[in-house]
Protein backbone atom coordinates (compact mmCIF):
# COMPACT_ATOMS: atom_id res chain seq x y z
CA MET A 1 123.70 142.48 109.96
CA ILE A 2 124.14 139.71 107.38
CA LYS A 3 123.98 141.03 103.82
CA VAL A 4 122.78 138.68 101.06
CA LEU A 5 122.66 139.07 97.27
CA ILE A 6 120.33 136.81 95.27
CA THR A 7 120.96 136.60 91.53
CA ALA A 8 119.20 134.99 88.56
CA THR A 9 119.03 135.61 84.83
CA VAL A 10 115.68 137.43 85.07
CA GLN A 11 113.75 139.16 87.83
CA SER A 12 110.60 137.13 87.18
CA HIS A 13 112.50 134.04 88.37
CA ILE A 14 113.11 135.72 91.72
CA CYS A 15 109.48 136.82 91.98
CA GLN A 16 108.11 133.37 91.18
CA PHE A 17 110.51 131.19 93.15
CA HIS A 18 112.39 133.02 95.90
CA ARG A 19 109.97 135.01 98.03
CA PRO A 20 110.13 132.28 100.76
CA LEU A 21 113.92 132.58 100.89
CA VAL A 22 113.74 136.37 101.21
CA GLU A 23 111.16 136.04 103.99
CA VAL A 24 113.42 133.64 105.88
CA LEU A 25 116.37 136.01 105.51
CA HIS A 26 114.34 139.05 106.60
CA ASN A 27 113.04 137.13 109.63
CA HIS A 28 116.65 136.67 110.68
CA GLY A 29 117.43 140.37 110.25
CA CYS A 30 119.32 140.06 106.96
CA GLU A 31 119.53 142.78 104.32
CA VAL A 32 118.57 141.27 100.94
CA HIS A 33 119.52 142.61 97.51
CA ILE A 34 118.53 141.27 94.07
CA ALA A 35 120.50 141.36 90.82
CA ALA A 36 118.78 140.18 87.61
CA LYS A 37 117.52 141.44 84.27
CA ASP A 38 114.29 143.42 84.60
CA ASN A 39 111.73 141.52 82.51
CA LEU A 40 108.67 142.23 84.67
CA ALA A 41 106.91 144.22 81.93
CA GLU A 42 106.46 140.86 80.13
CA LYS A 43 104.98 139.22 83.25
CA ASN A 44 101.66 140.78 84.09
CA GLY A 45 101.10 140.97 87.83
CA LEU A 46 104.62 140.14 89.03
CA LYS A 47 106.26 142.67 91.35
CA LEU A 48 109.70 142.56 92.90
CA ASP A 49 108.66 144.53 95.98
CA PHE A 50 110.06 142.33 98.74
CA ALA A 51 113.80 143.08 98.53
CA ASP A 52 115.78 145.92 100.13
CA LYS A 53 117.57 146.83 96.90
CA VAL A 54 117.19 145.68 93.28
CA PHE A 55 119.83 145.93 90.53
CA ASN A 56 118.90 145.62 86.85
CA VAL A 57 121.75 143.48 85.48
CA PRO A 58 121.48 142.47 81.78
CA PHE A 59 122.05 138.72 82.05
CA SER A 60 121.09 136.73 78.94
CA ARG A 61 119.96 133.12 78.79
CA SER A 62 122.14 132.68 75.69
CA PRO A 63 125.79 131.87 76.42
CA LYS A 64 126.68 133.57 73.12
CA SER A 65 125.17 136.95 74.03
CA SER A 66 127.53 139.87 74.64
CA ASP A 67 125.04 141.07 77.27
CA ASN A 68 126.64 138.57 79.64
CA ILE A 69 129.97 140.41 79.40
CA LYS A 70 128.23 143.60 80.50
CA ALA A 71 126.38 141.66 83.21
CA TYR A 72 129.71 140.34 84.49
CA LYS A 73 131.23 143.84 84.65
CA ASP A 74 128.12 145.33 86.29
CA LEU A 75 128.04 142.56 88.85
CA LYS A 76 131.75 142.98 89.66
CA ARG A 77 131.15 146.67 90.43
CA ILE A 78 128.16 145.80 92.63
CA LEU A 79 130.13 143.20 94.59
CA GLU A 80 133.08 145.55 95.10
CA LYS A 81 130.79 148.26 96.44
CA GLU A 82 128.32 146.27 98.57
CA HIS A 83 130.52 143.61 100.29
CA TYR A 84 128.06 140.73 100.75
CA ASP A 85 128.29 137.97 103.32
CA VAL A 86 126.41 135.52 101.07
CA ILE A 87 125.78 135.49 97.32
CA HIS A 88 123.02 133.06 96.31
CA CYS A 89 122.84 132.47 92.55
CA ASN A 90 120.25 130.72 90.40
CA THR A 91 119.59 129.70 86.77
CA PRO A 92 122.32 128.39 84.44
CA MET A 93 123.72 131.67 83.06
CA GLY A 94 122.94 133.64 86.19
CA GLY A 95 124.84 131.03 88.18
CA ILE A 96 127.86 130.97 85.85
CA ILE A 97 128.29 134.75 85.51
CA THR A 98 127.73 135.31 89.23
CA ARG A 99 130.30 132.73 90.31
CA LEU A 100 132.88 134.15 87.90
CA ALA A 101 132.24 137.67 89.17
CA ALA A 102 132.35 136.49 92.81
CA LYS A 103 135.81 134.86 92.68
CA LYS A 104 137.56 137.74 94.46
CA ALA A 105 134.72 138.24 96.95
CA ARG A 106 134.82 134.53 97.80
CA LYS A 107 138.56 134.70 98.50
CA ASN A 108 137.77 137.53 100.90
CA GLY A 109 135.24 135.43 102.84
CA THR A 110 131.94 135.77 100.99
CA LYS A 111 130.03 132.48 100.82
CA VAL A 112 128.60 131.50 97.43
CA PHE A 113 125.44 129.36 97.22
CA TYR A 114 123.91 127.98 94.02
CA THR A 115 120.45 126.44 93.65
CA ALA A 116 120.26 123.96 90.76
CA HIS A 117 116.67 124.01 89.55
CA GLY A 118 117.27 120.86 87.50
CA PHE A 119 120.52 119.90 85.81
CA HIS A 120 120.40 119.62 82.01
CA PHE A 121 122.15 116.23 82.33
CA TYR A 122 120.12 113.41 83.87
CA THR A 123 119.11 109.82 83.27
CA GLY A 124 117.77 109.73 79.71
CA ALA A 125 119.27 113.08 78.64
CA SER A 126 121.10 113.33 75.34
CA LYS A 127 124.81 112.61 75.07
CA LYS A 128 125.27 116.22 73.95
CA ASN A 129 123.75 117.47 77.22
CA TRP A 130 126.16 115.31 79.22
CA LEU A 131 129.17 116.39 77.15
CA VAL A 132 128.33 120.10 77.36
CA PHE A 133 126.60 120.73 80.69
CA TYR A 134 128.09 118.14 83.04
CA PRO A 135 131.71 119.43 82.82
CA ILE A 136 130.49 123.02 83.25
CA GLU A 137 128.50 122.27 86.41
CA LYS A 138 131.31 120.11 87.79
CA HIS A 139 133.84 122.92 87.27
CA PHE A 140 131.65 125.63 88.74
CA ALA A 141 130.85 123.48 91.77
CA LYS A 142 134.47 124.19 92.81
CA LEU A 143 133.53 127.89 92.96
CA THR A 144 130.52 127.12 95.17
CA ASP A 145 130.38 126.80 98.95
CA LYS A 146 126.96 125.17 98.98
CA LEU A 147 125.08 123.56 96.11
CA ILE A 148 121.33 123.22 96.75
CA THR A 149 119.40 120.61 94.74
CA ILE A 150 115.64 120.19 94.49
CA ASN A 151 115.27 116.61 93.29
CA HIS A 152 116.85 113.39 94.51
CA GLU A 153 118.54 112.44 91.24
CA ASP A 154 120.45 115.73 91.10
CA PHE A 155 121.34 115.46 94.79
CA LYS A 156 122.75 111.94 94.43
CA LEU A 157 124.83 112.82 91.37
CA ALA A 158 126.18 116.09 92.80
CA ASN A 159 126.91 114.54 96.18
CA GLU A 160 128.95 111.76 94.54
CA LYS A 161 130.70 113.69 91.75
CA PHE A 162 131.07 117.36 92.70
CA LYS A 163 133.61 118.86 95.11
CA THR A 164 131.32 121.04 97.19
CA ASP A 165 128.82 120.81 100.05
CA VAL A 166 125.51 119.54 98.60
CA SER A 167 122.06 119.94 100.20
CA TYR A 168 118.58 118.81 99.21
CA ILE A 169 115.36 120.74 99.80
CA HIS A 170 111.76 120.12 98.70
CA GLY A 171 111.80 122.66 95.88
CA VAL A 172 111.40 126.41 96.28
CA GLY A 173 108.03 126.19 98.04
CA VAL A 174 104.39 126.61 97.06
CA ASP A 175 101.98 128.80 98.99
CA GLU A 176 99.55 126.57 100.92
CA SER A 177 97.43 129.63 101.71
CA ARG A 178 96.85 130.15 97.99
CA TYR A 179 96.53 126.55 96.76
CA TYR A 180 94.06 124.59 98.85
CA THR A 181 90.82 122.64 98.56
CA VAL A 182 87.35 124.15 98.74
CA SER A 183 83.92 122.71 99.47
CA ASP A 184 81.68 121.40 96.69
CA GLU A 185 79.45 124.44 97.16
CA GLU A 186 82.37 126.85 96.79
CA LYS A 187 83.58 124.95 93.73
CA LEU A 188 80.18 125.25 92.04
CA THR A 189 80.03 128.99 92.79
CA LEU A 190 83.51 129.49 91.37
CA ARG A 191 82.69 127.42 88.27
CA LYS A 192 79.73 129.70 87.59
CA GLU A 193 81.90 132.78 88.12
CA LEU A 194 84.47 131.49 85.60
CA GLY A 195 81.84 130.50 83.03
CA PHE A 196 81.76 126.70 83.44
CA THR A 197 78.81 124.40 84.03
CA PRO A 198 78.49 122.31 87.22
CA THR A 199 79.11 119.01 85.40
CA GLN A 200 81.62 120.13 82.76
CA LYS A 201 84.87 118.14 82.69
CA ILE A 202 87.79 120.55 83.18
CA LEU A 203 91.46 119.76 82.56
CA LEU A 204 94.16 122.26 83.49
CA CYS A 205 97.62 122.46 81.91
CA VAL A 206 99.97 125.13 83.32
CA GLY A 207 103.29 126.19 81.83
CA GLU A 208 105.04 128.49 79.38
CA LEU A 209 104.04 127.80 75.78
CA LEU A 210 107.40 126.38 74.74
CA PRO A 211 108.46 123.28 72.77
CA ASN A 212 109.68 121.55 75.94
CA LYS A 213 106.28 121.93 77.60
CA ASN A 214 104.72 120.02 74.70
CA GLN A 215 101.12 121.22 75.15
CA LYS A 216 100.25 119.84 71.70
CA MET A 217 100.17 116.38 73.32
CA ALA A 218 97.41 117.49 75.72
CA ILE A 219 95.43 119.05 72.86
CA ASN A 220 95.59 115.80 70.89
CA ALA A 221 94.53 113.81 73.98
CA VAL A 222 91.42 115.99 74.23
CA LYS A 223 90.65 115.23 70.59
CA LYS A 224 90.42 111.56 71.53
CA LEU A 225 88.03 112.33 74.40
CA VAL A 226 85.66 114.87 72.89
CA ASP A 227 83.19 112.35 71.44
CA GLU A 228 82.76 110.75 74.87
CA PHE A 229 82.79 114.09 76.77
CA PRO A 230 81.40 116.70 74.33
CA ASP A 231 81.72 119.63 76.76
CA ILE A 232 85.22 118.74 78.02
CA VAL A 233 87.55 121.75 78.18
CA LEU A 234 91.33 121.91 78.40
CA LEU A 235 92.61 125.16 79.88
CA LEU A 236 96.13 126.16 78.79
CA ALA A 237 97.64 128.72 81.18
CA GLY A 238 100.80 130.48 80.04
CA ASN A 239 102.35 132.43 77.22
CA GLY A 240 105.36 131.84 75.00
CA SER A 241 106.74 131.24 71.53
CA GLU A 242 104.48 128.26 70.74
CA LYS A 243 101.24 130.23 71.12
CA GLU A 244 100.53 130.54 67.39
CA ASN A 245 101.40 126.90 66.66
CA LEU A 246 99.09 125.72 69.43
CA GLU A 247 96.28 127.98 68.24
CA ASN A 248 96.65 126.50 64.74
CA GLU A 249 96.54 122.98 66.18
CA ILE A 250 93.31 123.81 68.03
CA VAL A 251 91.70 125.12 64.83
CA ASN A 252 92.95 122.20 62.71
CA LEU A 253 91.48 119.67 65.16
CA ASN A 254 88.19 121.60 65.39
CA LEU A 255 88.60 122.07 69.14
CA LYS A 256 87.86 125.78 69.53
CA ASN A 257 85.07 124.96 72.00
CA ASN A 258 87.17 122.45 73.92
CA VAL A 259 90.57 124.13 74.38
CA LYS A 260 90.87 127.59 75.91
CA MET A 261 94.05 129.68 76.03
CA LEU A 262 94.17 131.61 79.31
CA GLY A 263 97.43 133.45 78.60
CA TYR A 264 99.64 134.54 81.49
CA CYS A 265 97.30 134.00 84.42
CA THR A 266 97.57 135.67 87.83
CA CYS A 267 94.67 133.74 89.41
CA LEU A 268 95.74 130.15 88.74
CA GLU A 269 94.47 129.07 92.15
CA LYS A 270 90.88 129.65 90.97
CA TYR A 271 91.34 127.34 87.99
CA GLN A 272 93.02 124.70 90.17
CA ARG A 273 89.97 124.74 92.48
CA VAL A 274 87.49 124.08 89.67
CA ALA A 275 89.56 121.59 87.66
CA ASP A 276 88.84 117.85 87.75
CA LEU A 277 92.51 117.05 87.17
CA SER A 278 95.73 118.52 85.83
CA VAL A 279 97.89 117.38 82.93
CA SER A 280 101.52 118.08 82.09
CA CYS A 281 103.31 116.94 78.95
CA SER A 282 106.85 118.29 79.44
CA LYS A 283 109.83 116.51 77.97
CA ARG A 284 112.10 117.77 80.77
CA GLU A 285 111.45 119.14 84.26
CA GLY A 286 113.55 119.77 87.35
CA LEU A 287 110.80 120.01 89.96
CA PRO A 288 107.62 121.51 88.47
CA LEU A 289 105.69 123.88 90.76
CA ASN A 290 102.53 123.52 88.67
CA ILE A 291 102.32 119.87 89.72
CA VAL A 292 102.69 120.77 93.41
CA GLU A 293 100.05 123.49 93.04
CA ALA A 294 97.64 120.96 91.52
CA MET A 295 98.34 118.43 94.28
CA LEU A 296 97.79 120.98 97.06
CA SER A 297 94.44 121.71 95.40
CA GLU A 298 93.64 117.95 95.57
CA ASN A 299 93.87 117.49 91.83
CA PRO A 300 95.36 114.21 90.60
CA VAL A 301 97.85 114.65 87.77
CA VAL A 302 98.38 112.82 84.48
CA ALA A 303 101.92 113.65 83.38
CA THR A 304 104.72 112.52 81.12
CA ALA A 305 107.71 110.50 82.31
CA ASN A 306 110.56 112.81 83.20
CA ARG A 307 112.77 113.37 86.24
CA GLY A 308 110.65 116.12 87.85
CA HIS A 309 107.28 114.47 87.29
CA CYS A 310 108.51 111.09 88.57
CA GLU A 311 109.87 112.82 91.68
CA LEU A 312 106.33 113.91 92.57
CA ILE A 313 103.95 111.33 91.12
CA SER A 314 103.56 107.81 92.46
CA GLU A 315 101.92 105.79 89.68
CA GLY A 316 98.31 105.02 90.52
CA LYS A 317 98.50 106.65 93.95
CA ASN A 318 98.44 110.42 93.42
CA GLY A 319 98.43 110.45 89.62
CA TYR A 320 99.54 108.66 86.47
CA ILE A 321 102.75 108.72 84.44
CA VAL A 322 102.73 108.14 80.66
CA ASN A 323 105.49 108.27 78.06
CA VAL A 324 106.17 111.53 76.26
CA ASP A 325 103.92 111.84 73.19
CA ASP A 326 101.92 108.70 74.02
CA VAL A 327 98.64 110.49 73.36
CA ASP A 328 96.57 107.29 73.60
CA ALA A 329 97.90 106.52 77.09
CA MET A 330 97.29 110.06 78.29
CA ALA A 331 93.73 110.06 76.97
CA ASP A 332 93.12 106.66 78.58
CA ARG A 333 94.34 107.81 82.02
CA ILE A 334 92.27 111.00 81.80
CA ARG A 335 89.23 108.95 80.84
CA THR A 336 89.75 106.63 83.81
CA LEU A 337 89.76 109.54 86.27
CA LEU A 338 86.81 111.35 84.67
CA LEU A 339 84.66 108.21 84.79
CA ASP A 340 85.66 107.07 88.30
CA THR A 341 84.85 109.95 90.65
CA GLU A 342 85.81 108.00 93.77
CA LYS A 343 89.25 107.10 92.37
CA CYS A 344 89.77 110.70 91.33
CA MET A 345 88.94 111.94 94.84
CA ASP A 346 91.14 109.35 96.56
CA MET A 347 94.09 110.24 94.30
CA GLY A 348 93.49 113.91 94.97
CA LYS A 349 93.65 113.41 98.74
CA SER A 350 96.83 111.35 98.44
CA ALA A 351 98.28 114.08 96.23
CA LYS A 352 97.61 116.77 98.83
CA ASP A 353 99.06 114.72 101.69
CA PHE A 354 102.24 114.20 99.67
CA ALA A 355 102.53 117.79 98.44
CA LEU A 356 102.49 119.45 101.87
CA GLN A 357 106.22 118.80 102.27
CA TYR A 358 106.75 121.04 99.22
CA GLY A 359 104.79 123.92 100.75
CA PHE A 360 106.18 127.20 102.07
CA ILE A 361 106.06 126.07 105.70
CA ASN A 362 108.37 123.10 105.28
CA VAL A 363 110.67 124.64 102.64
CA LYS A 364 111.26 127.70 104.83
CA LYS A 365 112.41 125.40 107.64
CA GLU A 366 114.82 123.69 105.25
CA LEU A 367 116.20 127.04 104.06
CA GLU A 368 116.68 128.15 107.66
CA GLN A 369 118.73 125.02 108.32
CA ILE A 370 120.93 125.71 105.29
CA TYR A 371 121.58 129.34 106.22
CA PHE A 372 121.55 129.44 110.00
CA ASP A 373 122.14 125.97 111.54
């Protein structure tokens, strides 16, 4: 029996992004263990109930934290006891600590995989990011048997510059059985259930409330649209450190009736089904699942120009791209879609056709090829 360990900084990352991988491994008779910090109490509704064994290892996202020293020692003990055939690491610090701890195991025949969920160095990134993160990833690629990338820019760079085997897959997969389109009748029923009117204009913005996600831009875009669409509502799904700042922005702009904070939401698929379109204002993304979820739900997307968004959105075909913090452009693109129902529907259908390759079905096939072909 093949024995696989999957690591990441936090357990919520495994829950949100790696169930398809575990299903593929189980289908091939593998035993699957997880090692990550237990943060599930902060993530309402997430359960790590699909692995054979789970280790609570105190990784920290901060490179300066002494917790990572303990995580390294704990992981070394686990590896010496369990003897894995494959160790598959994720997230920056999870990937670094795991590959350091796995040096001896790798010499003894264990294969080490690393999934890069978006390098911190990319076209347009700061010089500091290139000076700090590029040498680190290049060095640790030498401790990696297979590097898996989820966007074409990362794949091209790693394939040309790093000394390891590099693969590309269409992200970590989105559940097509959860995110799908519904009939107009079902949409109206669901709108009523969620407290919206049949004709209300609904925008959905999904993501942790963090500075990088830049939800303030979406709030300010709504301010420019509220006179034309008095009952427009922007739904912000997520929690995080920016919550209070965003709440203050909503009050200051007198938008309490037009922007709703959903918090950490376990039924996002319902909001995707009733939304007219989705917006995303991130400054940086690797390959954003919230965009794929919107597309599978036939929602066109208005999003900011970054590597992950541009990987998914073809300008004018399945959505629109605007510059970060160009509030006027974002409001204009939203207005165009809200006023032109036919264009909105056509873009939504194109979005779904494109997004299917990022669904569970296809991504599982790609993971099978990486592990078993």
